[in-house]
Amino acid sequence: MTIAFLDVGYKASGARAACVLADSWESESPHATYVREIDATEPYEPGSFFRRELPCLLCVLRLPPLLPEIVVVDGYVWLPSPLRPGLGAYLYEALGRCAPVVGIAKTAFAGAHSCDAVARVFRGDSRHPLFVTAVGIELDVAAQRVRQMPGKHRIPEMMRIADRLSRSTASAGERTV
């Protein structure tokens, strides 16, 4: 199994998309990482974040030789109150529904605490939950996988690595395009 953990970091102009590939939910280190420099992005539009981030995610997902079996994004698959598609749902559709997408959000979107499509996941000693959403995989299964992922802190290690890569300059061992 291959799982891709994706994140995008924004600069004054453009962005840097990161893809961290792991062999399983239990992996403690990636088997490959990819980063893609994006020259220009759409401006941020409240309620339509996917318009800015989705093109970046699709660019970096073209770099691995095969589409991962599961994709994990930093954000929501479903936005609560009222329930509507988020970044992960748009990504799932853009991938032809060929790979389940799991969203791990660090902050609560309005209505997240009471929405059945959002699982609150506590990790480590944190009193602050992660907000997990999913499509193509049962929410309870996705939440359990996120809860059990390696990492001593609130953010799972693979997501932490993707975040770091999306914010930094290229370092040894990364495939930068």
Protein backbone atom coordinates (compact mmCIF):
# COMPACT_ATOMS: atom_id res chain seq x y z
CA MET A 1 0.00 0.00 0.00
CA THR A 2 1.17 3.53 -0.69
CA ILE A 3 -0.25 6.54 1.15
CA ALA A 4 0.48 10.11 0.03
CA PHE A 5 0.50 12.90 2.61
CA LEU A 6 0.14 16.27 0.91
CA ASP A 7 0.58 19.87 1.97
CA VAL A 8 1.10 23.24 0.30
CA GLY A 9 3.06 26.20 1.62
CA TYR A 10 2.48 29.65 0.16
CA LYS A 11 5.05 32.33 -0.55
CA ALA A 12 4.68 35.96 -1.57
CA SER A 13 4.20 34.72 -5.11
CA GLY A 14 3.58 31.08 -5.79
CA ALA A 15 3.68 28.02 -3.59
CA ARG A 16 5.54 24.84 -2.78
CA ALA A 17 3.59 21.57 -2.81
CA ALA A 18 4.91 18.53 -0.94
CA CYS A 19 4.07 14.85 -1.26
CA VAL A 20 5.34 12.38 1.34
CA LEU A 21 4.87 8.72 0.44
CA ALA A 22 4.61 6.05 3.11
CA ASP A 23 4.15 2.29 2.79
CA SER A 24 1.45 2.11 5.47
CA TRP A 25 -0.40 4.07 8.14
CA GLU A 26 2.16 2.72 10.65
CA SER A 27 5.25 3.98 8.75
CA GLU A 28 7.60 6.05 10.85
CA SER A 29 9.50 7.46 7.90
CA PRO A 30 8.66 8.11 4.25
CA HIS A 31 9.89 5.92 1.42
CA ALA A 32 9.92 8.92 -0.94
CA THR A 33 9.28 12.64 -0.91
CA TYR A 34 8.48 14.99 -3.76
CA VAL A 35 8.20 18.75 -3.87
CA ARG A 36 6.96 20.97 -6.65
CA GLU A 37 7.54 24.69 -6.96
CA ILE A 38 4.42 26.45 -8.23
CA ASP A 39 5.07 29.84 -9.85
CA ALA A 40 1.60 31.33 -9.44
CA THR A 41 -1.53 30.46 -7.47
CA GLU A 42 -5.07 31.74 -7.34
CA PRO A 43 -5.76 34.29 -4.61
CA TYR A 44 -7.30 33.01 -1.38
CA GLU A 45 -11.09 33.06 -1.55
CA PRO A 46 -12.97 32.38 1.71
CA GLY A 47 -15.19 29.32 1.35
CA SER A 48 -13.43 28.26 -1.87
CA PHE A 49 -9.96 27.34 -0.63
CA PHE A 50 -9.92 24.42 -3.08
CA ARG A 51 -9.58 26.85 -6.01
CA ARG A 52 -6.16 27.86 -4.69
CA GLU A 53 -4.85 24.57 -3.33
CA LEU A 54 -6.25 21.87 -5.64
CA PRO A 55 -4.07 22.76 -8.67
CA CYS A 56 -0.98 22.61 -6.45
CA LEU A 57 -1.92 19.17 -5.07
CA LEU A 58 -2.58 17.82 -8.56
CA CYS A 59 0.84 19.09 -9.74
CA VAL A 60 2.74 17.32 -6.98
CA LEU A 61 0.67 14.13 -7.35
CA ARG A 62 1.90 13.86 -10.95
CA LEU A 63 5.47 13.34 -9.74
CA PRO A 64 5.30 9.81 -8.22
CA PRO A 65 5.31 7.02 -10.82
CA LEU A 66 1.90 5.70 -9.66
CA LEU A 67 -1.16 7.21 -8.02
CA PRO A 68 -1.03 6.35 -4.30
CA GLU A 69 -3.75 4.04 -2.98
CA ILE A 70 -4.80 6.61 -0.34
CA VAL A 71 -4.30 10.37 -0.28
CA VAL A 72 -4.22 12.44 2.91
CA VAL A 73 -4.61 16.21 2.76
CA ASP A 74 -4.07 18.98 5.26
CA GLY A 75 -7.66 20.21 5.36
CA TYR A 76 -11.24 19.06 5.11
CA VAL A 77 -12.89 16.60 2.74
CA TRP A 78 -16.31 17.82 3.84
CA LEU A 79 -17.14 21.25 5.23
CA PRO A 80 -19.83 21.23 7.91
CA SER A 81 -22.81 23.48 8.45
CA PRO A 82 -24.32 22.90 5.91
CA LEU A 83 -22.42 19.87 4.63
CA ARG A 84 -20.64 20.68 1.38
CA PRO A 85 -17.49 19.59 -0.48
CA GLY A 86 -14.14 20.72 0.83
CA LEU A 87 -10.65 20.44 -0.67
CA GLY A 88 -10.51 16.66 -0.23
CA ALA A 89 -13.85 16.04 -1.98
CA TYR A 90 -12.72 18.11 -4.97
CA LEU A 91 -9.42 16.20 -5.03
CA TYR A 92 -11.28 12.86 -4.91
CA GLU A 93 -13.33 13.89 -7.96
CA ALA A 94 -10.25 15.24 -9.79
CA LEU A 95 -8.56 11.85 -9.26
CA GLY A 96 -11.53 10.10 -10.86
CA ARG A 97 -12.57 8.62 -7.52
CA CYS A 98 -9.62 6.22 -7.87
CA ALA A 99 -8.11 6.79 -4.42
CA PRO A 100 -9.81 7.45 -1.07
CA VAL A 101 -9.04 10.86 0.39
CA VAL A 102 -8.66 11.57 4.10
CA GLY A 103 -8.61 15.11 5.42
CA ILE A 104 -6.76 16.07 8.60
CA ALA A 105 -7.53 19.61 9.70
CA LYS A 106 -5.88 21.32 12.65
CA THR A 107 -8.56 23.96 13.20
CA ALA A 108 -12.31 23.69 13.59
CA PHE A 109 -14.43 24.88 10.70
CA ALA A 110 -17.79 26.36 11.77
CA GLY A 111 -20.01 23.45 12.85
CA ALA A 112 -17.19 20.86 12.95
CA HIS A 113 -17.80 19.95 16.59
CA SER A 114 -21.35 18.77 15.94
CA CYS A 115 -21.14 17.39 12.38
CA ASP A 116 -21.49 13.62 11.78
CA ALA A 117 -19.12 13.87 8.79
CA VAL A 118 -16.28 15.09 11.03
CA ALA A 119 -14.45 12.90 13.55
CA ARG A 120 -12.58 14.62 16.35
CA VAL A 121 -9.33 12.75 16.94
CA PHE A 122 -7.16 13.30 20.00
CA ARG A 123 -3.51 12.27 19.77
CA GLY A 124 -0.75 12.21 22.33
CA ASP A 125 -1.38 14.41 25.33
CA SER A 126 -3.08 17.13 23.32
CA ARG A 127 -6.37 18.53 24.55
CA HIS A 128 -7.01 19.89 21.05
CA PRO A 129 -8.46 17.51 18.48
CA LEU A 130 -7.63 17.02 14.84
CA PHE A 131 -10.70 17.13 12.61
CA VAL A 132 -10.78 14.09 10.31
CA THR A 133 -13.04 13.77 7.28
CA ALA A 134 -13.01 11.19 4.49
CA VAL A 135 -14.39 10.01 1.16
CA GLY A 136 -13.91 6.55 -0.36
CA ILE A 137 -13.11 5.13 3.09
CA GLU A 138 -15.31 4.87 6.18
CA LEU A 139 -14.89 7.84 8.50
CA ASP A 140 -14.46 5.60 11.57
CA VAL A 141 -11.67 3.67 9.84
CA ALA A 142 -9.92 6.87 8.73
CA ALA A 143 -10.17 8.36 12.23
CA GLN A 144 -8.75 5.21 13.81
CA ARG A 145 -5.83 5.15 11.35
CA VAL A 146 -5.02 8.81 12.07
CA ARG A 147 -5.27 8.20 15.83
CA GLN A 148 -2.76 5.33 15.62
CA MET A 149 -0.24 6.94 13.24
CA PRO A 150 3.32 7.37 14.52
CA GLY A 151 4.27 10.66 16.08
CA LYS A 152 4.49 11.72 19.70
CA HIS A 153 2.45 14.85 19.28
CA ARG A 154 -0.91 16.00 17.99
CA ILE A 155 0.19 16.08 14.35
CA PRO A 156 1.10 12.65 12.87
CA GLU A 157 4.73 12.38 11.80
CA MET A 158 4.03 11.98 8.06
CA MET A 159 1.87 15.12 8.04
CA ARG A 160 4.52 16.98 9.99
CA ILE A 161 7.11 16.04 7.35
CA ALA A 162 4.82 17.16 4.51
CA ASP A 163 4.23 20.47 6.30
CA ARG A 164 7.96 21.02 6.81
CA LEU A 165 8.76 20.23 3.17
CA SER A 166 6.06 22.55 1.88
CA ARG A 167 7.45 25.46 3.93
CA SER A 168 11.19 25.00 3.47
CA THR A 169 13.71 25.15 0.70
CA ALA A 170 14.74 21.86 -0.88
CA SER A 171 16.95 19.62 1.22
CA ALA A 172 18.97 16.51 0.43
CA GLY A 173 17.00 13.46 -0.60
CA GLU A 174 13.96 15.30 -1.99
CA ARG A 175 12.94 15.19 -5.59
CA THR A 176 12.27 18.81 -6.44
CA VAL A 177 10.72 19.75 -9.77
